[in-house]
Amino acid sequence: MRPLFILCLALASSAVSAETYRWVDSTGRVIISDSPPPSTAKTVAKVGESNENADGLPFALRKAKENFPVTLYTSADCTTDCKQAREILNGRGVPFTEKMLQNAEDANELKQLVGDVFIPSLKVGKQSFRGFESGAYNNLLDLAGYPKSAPYGSKPSGGLPPAEKAN
């Protein structure tokens, strides 16, 4: 009796993992089947495909990133405060861009954003904060809908691309 039960469970689990296809045939009927559609089928789609995009971010995090992108402004001589700012962003799993001020153009961009050149500064969507204060950073991220902790398996963001790092 027990081997028969195990065999039934194995067959049932393989049926659950089968792919399901949805297509429109030549007469206009919608067909849903576990077998692949014929080559003449129109508008073929796999039913139940993942809701995550290519970057693998959960839906809520992806929407926050699209609506409220995060930029951290730093400089080469900023150590402690910039490190703490990165730690807050990475601890929450926030995908962000780090922009190190390297010329007058970068300084002017930051000056327009926060009123003067103040490092570190954080921009979340259209909102910004100059300096480092964990409560203010967390408040901006909360309002934008970012998670309070990093999703499992998330990788740190920020930092500079290898070509921009100083030797």
C-alpha atoms as a PDB file:
ATOM      1  CA  MET A   1       0.000   0.000   0.000  1.00  0.00           C
ATOM      2  CA  ARG A   2       2.752   2.431   0.943  1.00  0.00           C
ATOM      3  CA  PRO A   3       4.716   2.133  -2.386  1.00  0.00           C
ATOM      4  CA  LEU A   4       1.501   2.820  -4.315  1.00  0.00           C
ATOM      5  CA  PHE A   5       0.879   5.980  -2.250  1.00  0.00           C
ATOM      6  CA  ILE A   6       4.441   7.224  -2.873  1.00  0.00           C
ATOM      7  CA  LEU A   7       4.071   6.547  -6.596  1.00  0.00           C
ATOM      8  CA  CYS A   8       0.822   8.557  -6.675  1.00  0.00           C
ATOM      9  CA  LEU A   9       2.478  11.475  -4.875  1.00  0.00           C
ATOM     10  CA  ALA A  10       5.391  11.449  -7.306  1.00  0.00           C
ATOM     11  CA  LEU A  11       3.060  11.479 -10.312  1.00  0.00           C
ATOM     12  CA  ALA A  12       0.937  14.243  -8.838  1.00  0.00           C
ATOM     13  CA  SER A  13       3.942  16.449  -8.117  1.00  0.00           C
ATOM     14  CA  SER A  14       5.271  16.008 -11.677  1.00  0.00           C
ATOM     15  CA  ALA A  15       1.891  17.065 -13.065  1.00  0.00           C
ATOM     16  CA  VAL A  16       1.922  20.217 -10.936  1.00  0.00           C
ATOM     17  CA  SER A  17       5.303  21.288 -12.281  1.00  0.00           C
ATOM     18  CA  ALA A  18       4.310  20.819 -15.946  1.00  0.00           C
ATOM     19  CA  GLU A  19       4.225  23.939 -18.095  1.00  0.00           C
ATOM     20  CA  THR A  20       0.872  25.221 -19.248  1.00  0.00           C
ATOM     21  CA  TYR A  21       0.432  27.013 -22.575  1.00  0.00           C
ATOM     22  CA  ARG A  22      -2.257  29.398 -23.744  1.00  0.00           C
ATOM     23  CA  TRP A  23      -2.775  30.202 -27.428  1.00  0.00           C
ATOM     24  CA  VAL A  24      -5.379  31.136 -30.030  1.00  0.00           C
ATOM     25  CA  ASP A  25      -5.970  28.599 -32.801  1.00  0.00           C
ATOM     26  CA  SER A  26      -6.772  29.342 -36.481  1.00  0.00           C
ATOM     27  CA  THR A  27     -10.526  29.521 -35.770  1.00  0.00           C
ATOM     28  CA  GLY A  28     -10.086  32.082 -32.990  1.00  0.00           C
ATOM     29  CA  ARG A  29     -10.618  29.695 -30.049  1.00  0.00           C
ATOM     30  CA  VAL A  30      -8.488  30.122 -26.941  1.00  0.00           C
ATOM     31  CA  ILE A  31      -6.746  26.869 -26.039  1.00  0.00           C
ATOM     32  CA  ILE A  32      -5.116  26.129 -22.677  1.00  0.00           C
ATOM     33  CA  SER A  33      -3.069  22.955 -22.596  1.00  0.00           C
ATOM     34  CA  ASP A  34      -0.023  21.323 -21.047  1.00  0.00           C
ATOM     35  CA  SER A  35       1.294  20.325 -24.484  1.00  0.00           C
ATOM     36  CA  PRO A  36       3.156  22.871 -26.638  1.00  0.00           C
ATOM     37  CA  PRO A  37       1.031  24.648 -29.274  1.00  0.00           C
ATOM     38  CA  PRO A  38       1.286  23.900 -33.003  1.00  0.00           C
ATOM     39  CA  SER A  39       3.373  26.203 -35.186  1.00  0.00           C
ATOM     40  CA  THR A  40       0.183  27.790 -36.602  1.00  0.00           C
ATOM     41  CA  ALA A  41      -0.932  29.032 -33.147  1.00  0.00           C
ATOM     42  CA  LYS A  42      -1.329  32.763 -32.546  1.00  0.00           C
ATOM     43  CA  THR A  43      -0.422  34.733 -29.388  1.00  0.00           C
ATOM     44  CA  VAL A  44       1.293  31.943 -27.483  1.00  0.00           C
ATOM     45  CA  ALA A  45       2.005  32.494 -23.779  1.00  0.00           C
ATOM     46  CA  LYS A  46       3.145  30.283 -20.956  1.00  0.00           C
ATOM     47  CA  VAL A  47       0.621  30.434 -18.131  1.00  0.00           C
ATOM     48  CA  GLY A  48       1.987  31.216 -14.673  1.00  0.00           C
ATOM     49  CA  GLU A  49       5.323  32.736 -15.715  1.00  0.00           C
ATOM     50  CA  SER A  50       7.318  34.502 -13.015  1.00  0.00           C
ATOM     51  CA  ASN A  51       6.303  38.024 -12.085  1.00  0.00           C
ATOM     52  CA  GLU A  52       9.916  39.105 -11.579  1.00  0.00           C
ATOM     53  CA  ASN A  53      11.868  40.878 -14.270  1.00  0.00           C
ATOM     54  CA  ALA A  54      15.417  40.209 -15.442  1.00  0.00           C
ATOM     55  CA  ASP A  55      17.078  41.942 -12.475  1.00  0.00           C
ATOM     56  CA  GLY A  56      15.326  39.505 -10.109  1.00  0.00           C
ATOM     57  CA  LEU A  57      13.946  42.190  -7.783  1.00  0.00           C
ATOM     58  CA  PRO A  58      10.678  41.554  -5.964  1.00  0.00           C
ATOM     59  CA  PHE A  59       7.735  43.501  -7.395  1.00  0.00           C
ATOM     60  CA  ALA A  60       7.474  46.087  -4.569  1.00  0.00           C
ATOM     61  CA  LEU A  61      11.198  46.828  -4.629  1.00  0.00           C
ATOM     62  CA  ARG A  62      11.199  47.105  -8.418  1.00  0.00           C
ATOM     63  CA  LYS A  63       8.297  49.618  -8.299  1.00  0.00           C
ATOM     64  CA  ALA A  64      10.035  51.704  -5.614  1.00  0.00           C
ATOM     65  CA  LYS A  65      13.230  51.710  -7.693  1.00  0.00           C
ATOM     66  CA  GLU A  66      11.327  52.811 -10.820  1.00  0.00           C
ATOM     67  CA  ASN A  67       9.320  55.550  -9.075  1.00  0.00           C
ATOM     68  CA  PHE A  68      11.914  56.757  -6.563  1.00  0.00           C
ATOM     69  CA  PRO A  69      15.487  56.066  -7.746  1.00  0.00           C
ATOM     70  CA  VAL A  70      18.135  56.531  -5.052  1.00  0.00           C
ATOM     71  CA  THR A  71      21.441  58.382  -5.502  1.00  0.00           C
ATOM     72  CA  LEU A  72      24.082  58.772  -2.796  1.00  0.00           C
ATOM     73  CA  TYR A  73      26.500  61.669  -3.302  1.00  0.00           C
ATOM     74  CA  THR A  74      29.962  61.095  -1.813  1.00  0.00           C
ATOM     75  CA  SER A  75      33.542  62.316  -2.112  1.00  0.00           C
ATOM     76  CA  ALA A  76      36.961  60.693  -1.825  1.00  0.00           C
ATOM     77  CA  ASP A  77      37.635  62.186   1.611  1.00  0.00           C
ATOM     78  CA  CYS A  78      34.270  61.149   3.090  1.00  0.00           C
ATOM     79  CA  THR A  79      34.865  58.017   5.127  1.00  0.00           C
ATOM     80  CA  THR A  80      32.759  57.394   8.225  1.00  0.00           C
ATOM     81  CA  ASP A  81      29.496  59.117   7.279  1.00  0.00           C
ATOM     82  CA  CYS A  82      29.557  57.795   3.697  1.00  0.00           C
ATOM     83  CA  LYS A  83      30.244  54.275   4.934  1.00  0.00           C
ATOM     84  CA  GLN A  84      27.298  54.489   7.355  1.00  0.00           C
ATOM     85  CA  ALA A  85      25.067  55.836   4.564  1.00  0.00           C
ATOM     86  CA  ARG A  86      26.017  52.891   2.321  1.00  0.00           C
ATOM     87  CA  GLU A  87      25.391  50.465   5.194  1.00  0.00           C
ATOM     88  CA  ILE A  88      21.843  51.789   5.725  1.00  0.00           C
ATOM     89  CA  LEU A  89      21.019  51.522   2.019  1.00  0.00           C
ATOM     90  CA  ASN A  90      22.541  48.050   1.644  1.00  0.00           C
ATOM     91  CA  GLY A  91      21.001  46.881   4.939  1.00  0.00           C
ATOM     92  CA  ARG A  92      17.583  47.684   3.525  1.00  0.00           C
ATOM     93  CA  GLY A  93      18.382  46.144   0.142  1.00  0.00           C
ATOM     94  CA  VAL A  94      17.964  49.468  -1.665  1.00  0.00           C
ATOM     95  CA  PRO A  95      19.423  49.489  -5.190  1.00  0.00           C
ATOM     96  CA  PHE A  96      21.236  52.817  -5.460  1.00  0.00           C
ATOM     97  CA  THR A  97      23.740  54.749  -7.516  1.00  0.00           C
ATOM     98  CA  GLU A  98      26.730  56.279  -5.809  1.00  0.00           C
ATOM     99  CA  LYS A  99      27.999  59.485  -7.369  1.00  0.00           C
ATOM    100  CA  MET A 100      31.423  60.633  -6.215  1.00  0.00           C
ATOM    101  CA  LEU A 101      32.051  64.336  -6.709  1.00  0.00           C
ATOM    102  CA  GLN A 102      35.074  64.634  -8.977  1.00  0.00           C
ATOM    103  CA  ASN A 103      34.708  67.971 -10.756  1.00  0.00           C
ATOM    104  CA  ALA A 104      32.912  71.329 -10.725  1.00  0.00           C
ATOM    105  CA  GLU A 105      30.024  69.943 -12.785  1.00  0.00           C
ATOM    106  CA  ASP A 106      29.311  67.279 -10.126  1.00  0.00           C
ATOM    107  CA  ALA A 107      29.538  69.924  -7.378  1.00  0.00           C
ATOM    108  CA  ASN A 108      27.086  72.185  -9.233  1.00  0.00           C
ATOM    109  CA  GLU A 109      24.615  69.312  -9.598  1.00  0.00           C
ATOM    110  CA  LEU A 110      24.733  68.684  -5.848  1.00  0.00           C
ATOM    111  CA  LYS A 111      24.503  72.407  -5.101  1.00  0.00           C
ATOM    112  CA  GLN A 112      21.285  72.637  -7.135  1.00  0.00           C
ATOM    113  CA  LEU A 113      19.926  69.600  -5.323  1.00  0.00           C
ATOM    114  CA  VAL A 114      20.591  70.538  -1.666  1.00  0.00           C
ATOM    115  CA  GLY A 115      21.618  74.200  -1.783  1.00  0.00           C
ATOM    116  CA  ASP A 116      25.362  73.711  -1.267  1.00  0.00           C
ATOM    117  CA  VAL A 117      28.068  71.092  -1.595  1.00  0.00           C
ATOM    118  CA  PHE A 118      27.446  68.860   1.423  1.00  0.00           C
ATOM    119  CA  ILE A 119      28.692  65.284   1.621  1.00  0.00           C
ATOM    120  CA  PRO A 120      27.128  62.797   1.990  1.00  0.00           C
ATOM    121  CA  SER A 121      23.790  63.727   0.479  1.00  0.00           C
ATOM    122  CA  LEU A 122      20.948  61.414  -0.459  1.00  0.00           C
ATOM    123  CA  LYS A 123      18.378  61.802  -3.221  1.00  0.00           C
ATOM    124  CA  VAL A 124      15.287  59.553  -3.189  1.00  0.00           C
ATOM    125  CA  GLY A 125      13.050  60.336  -6.147  1.00  0.00           C
ATOM    126  CA  LYS A 126      12.633  64.113  -6.013  1.00  0.00           C
ATOM    127  CA  GLN A 127      13.315  64.378  -2.280  1.00  0.00           C
ATOM    128  CA  SER A 128      16.798  64.944  -0.886  1.00  0.00           C
ATOM    129  CA  PHE A 129      18.646  65.198   2.398  1.00  0.00           C
ATOM    130  CA  ARG A 130      22.049  66.756   3.012  1.00  0.00           C
ATOM    131  CA  GLY A 131      24.429  65.210   5.489  1.00  0.00           C
ATOM    132  CA  PHE A 132      24.018  61.902   7.227  1.00  0.00           C
ATOM    133  CA  GLU A 133      21.287  61.118   9.707  1.00  0.00           C
ATOM    134  CA  SER A 134      20.006  57.565   9.805  1.00  0.00           C
ATOM    135  CA  GLY A 135      16.492  58.604  10.872  1.00  0.00           C
ATOM    136  CA  ALA A 136      16.131  61.013   7.947  1.00  0.00           C
ATOM    137  CA  TYR A 137      17.485  58.463   5.472  1.00  0.00           C
ATOM    138  CA  ASN A 138      15.106  55.791   6.774  1.00  0.00           C
ATOM    139  CA  ASN A 139      12.177  58.225   6.629  1.00  0.00           C
ATOM    140  CA  LEU A 140      12.839  59.070   2.966  1.00  0.00           C
ATOM    141  CA  LEU A 141      13.169  55.367   2.109  1.00  0.00           C
ATOM    142  CA  ASP A 142       9.995  54.476   4.048  1.00  0.00           C
ATOM    143  CA  LEU A 143       8.005  57.161   2.236  1.00  0.00           C
ATOM    144  CA  ALA A 144       9.252  55.833  -1.112  1.00  0.00           C
ATOM    145  CA  GLY A 145       8.125  52.301  -0.260  1.00  0.00           C
ATOM    146  CA  TYR A 146      11.504  50.616   0.124  1.00  0.00           C
ATOM    147  CA  PRO A 147      11.618  47.532   2.381  1.00  0.00           C
ATOM    148  CA  LYS A 148      12.854  47.901   5.961  1.00  0.00           C
ATOM    149  CA  SER A 149      15.325  45.048   5.494  1.00  0.00           C
ATOM    150  CA  ALA A 150      17.128  43.548   2.536  1.00  0.00           C
ATOM    151  CA  PRO A 151      15.329  40.700   0.756  1.00  0.00           C
ATOM    152  CA  TYR A 152      17.012  37.325   1.088  1.00  0.00           C
ATOM    153  CA  GLY A 153      19.887  36.972  -1.362  1.00  0.00           C
ATOM    154  CA  SER A 154      20.140  40.662  -2.257  1.00  0.00           C
ATOM    155  CA  LYS A 155      23.552  41.974  -3.194  1.00  0.00           C
ATOM    156  CA  PRO A 156      25.042  45.272  -2.013  1.00  0.00           C
ATOM    157  CA  SER A 157      24.582  48.255  -4.306  1.00  0.00           C
ATOM    158  CA  GLY A 158      26.493  51.457  -4.762  1.00  0.00           C
ATOM    159  CA  GLY A 159      30.208  51.852  -4.894  1.00  0.00           C
ATOM    160  CA  LEU A 160      31.962  53.050  -7.968  1.00  0.00           C
ATOM    161  CA  PRO A 161      32.484  51.125 -11.176  1.00  0.00           C
ATOM    162  CA  PRO A 162      36.086  49.838 -11.404  1.00  0.00           C
ATOM    163  CA  ALA A 163      37.054  52.431 -14.052  1.00  0.00           C
ATOM    164  CA  GLU A 164      36.143  55.323 -11.727  1.00  0.00           C
ATOM    165  CA  LYS A 165      37.898  54.085  -8.589  1.00  0.00           C
ATOM    166  CA  ALA A 166      41.043  55.919  -7.654  1.00  0.00           C
ATOM    167  CA  ASN A 167      44.293  53.924  -7.580  1.00  0.00           C
END
